Amino acid sequence: MSRKFDLIVETALKRYQGSNFLIGDRVKFIDNFNQHDWAKAQPGLKLERLSELIESGDNIRISAVKAERPATAESGHFADVDNFYVDVVREAAPGLFMATQVFTVPQDLVELIEDYPNLSGPTPKGQVREDDSQIDPVEVSVDDNELSPVKQTASNEDDRKLATQNTDISTEVPAKSYTGKYLES
């Protein structure tokens, strides 16, 4: 098989290997995250900012997945990692989830929002701009003053009008160039 196909299959199966979160996944916090042991050990300011993130109504995305105890290359037990931390960030605009304010939380505090096959999910109402475009045509009047388009040109009246008939370009001497043959009628 081709390497390109292998990459597609590996990417599709990655969700089922190890952690159930991937970078870019849309998540939400569990209902009683304040009652979790991890939340009880956190400073009040961090919990306040997490609450602001949740109540903002913006999408929350995963920006990184980290093992609680990283496996080392010498141990050979790469499958022994049993708990993960995830970095969550606010999606400031559709597709724009930068690390402006990153919160590292245990994976138990967030739930995956399954958006398959549409990976972006719905756009929050706070990020949708009302359509205020004007679609009713209005007749435009041109004032006849010194700066009007009619008086800005230094040409005569006949030069500003388009011809209504085809111009005869035939000549008495036939064209001798290669492209001149295309102009013959």
Protein backbone atom coordinates (compact mmCIF):
# COMPACT_ATOMS: atom_id res chain seq x y z
CA MET A 1 0.00 0.00 0.00
CA SER A 2 1.05 3.59 -0.47
CA ARG A 3 2.42 5.68 2.39
CA LYS A 4 -0.35 8.24 1.86
CA PHE A 5 -3.02 5.61 2.52
CA ASP A 6 -1.17 4.44 5.64
CA LEU A 7 -1.18 7.99 7.02
CA ILE A 8 -4.93 8.29 6.47
CA VAL A 9 -5.60 5.00 8.27
CA GLU A 10 -3.23 5.88 11.13
CA THR A 11 -4.93 9.23 11.60
CA ALA A 12 -8.38 7.63 11.65
CA LEU A 13 -7.33 5.03 14.24
CA LYS A 14 -5.39 7.46 16.44
CA ARG A 15 -8.47 8.29 18.51
CA TYR A 16 -8.75 4.70 19.68
CA GLN A 17 -5.10 4.40 20.75
CA GLY A 18 -4.23 5.72 24.21
CA SER A 19 -6.15 8.91 24.91
CA ASN A 20 -9.58 9.58 23.51
CA PHE A 21 -8.77 13.26 22.84
CA LEU A 22 -6.96 14.65 19.82
CA ILE A 23 -5.61 18.14 19.21
CA GLY A 24 -8.39 20.31 17.81
CA ASP A 25 -11.27 18.37 19.40
CA ARG A 26 -14.17 20.43 20.67
CA VAL A 27 -14.94 19.68 24.32
CA LYS A 28 -17.13 20.86 27.16
CA PHE A 29 -16.57 20.73 30.90
CA ILE A 30 -18.53 18.27 33.02
CA ASP A 31 -21.43 19.73 34.97
CA ASN A 32 -19.93 19.50 38.45
CA PHE A 33 -16.29 20.21 37.67
CA ASN A 34 -16.00 22.33 40.85
CA GLN A 35 -16.60 19.18 42.95
CA HIS A 36 -13.68 17.29 41.39
CA ASP A 37 -10.64 16.71 43.65
CA TRP A 38 -8.39 18.50 41.18
CA ALA A 39 -10.61 21.61 41.20
CA LYS A 40 -10.68 21.71 45.00
CA ALA A 41 -6.86 21.92 45.05
CA GLN A 42 -6.69 24.83 42.57
CA PRO A 43 -6.44 28.54 43.46
CA GLY A 44 -9.64 30.56 43.33
CA LEU A 45 -8.45 32.81 40.50
CA LYS A 46 -7.84 29.83 38.21
CA LEU A 47 -11.31 28.44 38.93
CA GLU A 48 -12.83 31.88 38.33
CA ARG A 49 -11.13 32.14 34.92
CA LEU A 50 -12.20 28.60 34.06
CA SER A 51 -15.78 29.56 34.90
CA GLU A 52 -15.47 32.61 32.61
CA LEU A 53 -14.23 30.33 29.84
CA ILE A 54 -17.17 27.99 30.28
CA GLU A 55 -19.77 30.77 30.51
CA SER A 56 -18.39 32.68 27.51
CA GLY A 57 -20.35 30.50 25.10
CA ASP A 58 -17.34 30.15 22.81
CA ASN A 59 -16.14 26.77 21.63
CA ILE A 60 -13.47 25.15 23.80
CA ARG A 61 -10.76 23.20 21.98
CA ILE A 62 -7.96 20.83 22.93
CA SER A 63 -4.55 22.31 22.10
CA ALA A 64 -2.35 19.57 23.62
CA VAL A 65 -2.62 16.12 25.19
CA LYS A 66 -0.07 15.25 27.87
CA ALA A 67 0.54 12.08 29.84
CA GLU A 68 0.40 12.39 33.60
CA ARG A 69 3.61 10.40 33.93
CA PRO A 70 5.44 10.51 30.60
CA ALA A 71 6.86 7.18 29.46
CA THR A 72 10.59 7.12 28.84
CA ALA A 73 12.35 5.40 26.00
CA GLU A 74 14.25 3.12 28.37
CA SER A 75 11.25 1.53 30.08
CA GLY A 76 9.67 -0.03 27.00
CA HIS A 77 6.20 0.20 28.58
CA PHE A 78 4.61 2.85 26.40
CA ALA A 79 1.08 1.53 26.91
CA ASP A 80 1.26 1.93 30.71
CA VAL A 81 0.22 5.60 30.67
CA ASP A 82 -3.21 5.57 32.30
CA ASN A 83 -4.09 9.21 32.84
CA PHE A 84 -3.83 12.28 30.64
CA TYR A 85 -3.94 16.01 31.04
CA VAL A 86 -5.30 18.19 28.25
CA ASP A 87 -4.66 21.84 27.46
CA VAL A 88 -7.92 23.61 26.73
CA VAL A 89 -8.19 26.97 24.97
CA ARG A 90 -10.99 29.27 23.88
CA GLU A 91 -11.75 29.38 20.18
CA ALA A 92 -11.78 33.15 19.66
CA ALA A 93 -13.20 32.86 16.13
CA PRO A 94 -14.07 29.88 13.94
CA GLY A 95 -10.77 28.09 13.38
CA LEU A 96 -8.78 30.50 15.57
CA PHE A 97 -7.87 28.76 18.79
CA MET A 98 -4.56 30.23 19.82
CA ALA A 99 -2.83 29.72 23.11
CA THR A 100 -3.87 33.07 24.57
CA GLN A 101 -5.10 31.56 27.82
CA VAL A 102 -4.26 27.89 28.26
CA PHE A 103 -5.66 25.75 31.06
CA THR A 104 -4.16 22.34 31.74
CA VAL A 105 -6.84 20.12 33.25
CA PRO A 106 -7.25 16.38 33.80
CA GLN A 107 -9.08 14.58 31.02
CA ASP A 108 -11.80 13.60 33.53
CA LEU A 109 -13.03 17.22 33.64
CA VAL A 110 -13.92 17.48 29.96
CA GLU A 111 -16.24 15.57 27.64
CA LEU A 112 -15.73 15.18 23.92
CA ILE A 113 -18.34 16.83 21.68
CA GLU A 114 -18.65 14.58 18.66
CA ASP A 115 -19.00 16.70 15.52
CA TYR A 116 -18.31 14.05 12.92
CA PRO A 117 -18.24 14.58 9.94
CA ASN A 118 -18.30 18.37 10.44
CA LEU A 119 -15.22 18.92 12.58
CA SER A 120 -15.78 22.61 13.20
CA GLY A 121 -19.10 22.39 15.02
CA PRO A 122 -21.63 25.20 15.08
CA THR A 123 -20.43 28.78 15.37
CA PRO A 124 -21.44 30.33 18.72
CA LYS A 125 -24.06 33.08 18.53
CA GLY A 126 -21.64 35.65 19.97
CA GLN A 127 -19.33 35.20 16.97
CA VAL A 128 -22.00 35.53 14.26
CA ARG A 129 -22.33 39.01 12.78
CA GLU A 130 -25.79 40.25 11.93
CA ASP A 131 -26.29 40.80 8.20
CA ASP A 132 -26.81 44.53 7.76
CA SER A 133 -26.10 44.69 4.05
CA GLN A 134 -28.20 47.01 1.88
CA ILE A 135 -29.72 45.09 -1.00
CA ASP A 136 -32.25 47.67 -2.23
CA PRO A 137 -30.80 49.47 -5.28
CA VAL A 138 -30.89 53.26 -5.17
CA GLU A 139 -30.64 55.54 -8.18
CA VAL A 140 -27.42 57.58 -8.10
CA SER A 141 -27.50 61.18 -9.29
CA VAL A 142 -24.35 62.85 -10.59
CA ASP A 143 -24.04 66.53 -9.77
CA ASP A 144 -22.72 68.65 -12.61
CA ASN A 145 -19.89 70.58 -10.93
CA GLU A 146 -16.16 71.00 -11.45
CA LEU A 147 -15.29 67.62 -9.83
CA SER A 148 -18.03 65.57 -11.42
CA PRO A 149 -16.95 62.66 -13.63
CA VAL A 150 -18.49 64.38 -16.62
CA LYS A 151 -16.14 67.38 -16.40
CA GLN A 152 -12.98 65.63 -15.19
CA THR A 153 -11.86 64.54 -18.64
CA ALA A 154 -10.27 66.96 -21.04
CA SER A 155 -11.79 65.33 -24.09
CA ASN A 156 -14.55 66.41 -26.39
CA GLU A 157 -18.09 65.15 -26.07
CA ASP A 158 -17.64 62.62 -28.87
CA ASP A 159 -14.59 61.05 -27.23
CA ARG A 160 -16.56 60.14 -24.08
CA LYS A 161 -19.23 58.12 -25.87
CA LEU A 162 -18.96 54.54 -26.99
CA ALA A 163 -19.40 53.81 -30.66
CA THR A 164 -22.70 52.22 -31.58
CA GLN A 165 -21.47 50.66 -34.81
CA ASN A 166 -18.53 48.42 -35.68
CA THR A 167 -15.47 50.20 -37.00
CA ASP A 168 -14.27 49.10 -40.41
CA ILE A 169 -10.60 48.12 -40.10
CA SER A 170 -10.13 46.79 -43.56
CA THR A 171 -7.24 48.32 -45.47
CA GLU A 172 -6.33 48.36 -49.10
CA VAL A 173 -3.00 46.65 -48.44
CA PRO A 174 -3.43 43.18 -46.88
CA ALA A 175 -1.56 42.53 -43.66
CA LYS A 176 1.73 40.74 -44.10
CA SER A 177 2.28 39.53 -40.54
CA TYR A 178 1.08 36.22 -39.12
CA THR A 179 -1.40 37.88 -36.76
CA GLY A 180 -2.67 40.16 -39.49
CA LYS A 181 -4.37 37.17 -41.12
CA TYR A 182 -6.75 36.97 -38.16
CA LEU A 183 -7.98 40.52 -38.80
CA GLU A 184 -9.10 39.79 -42.37
CA SER A 185 -12.85 39.70 -42.76
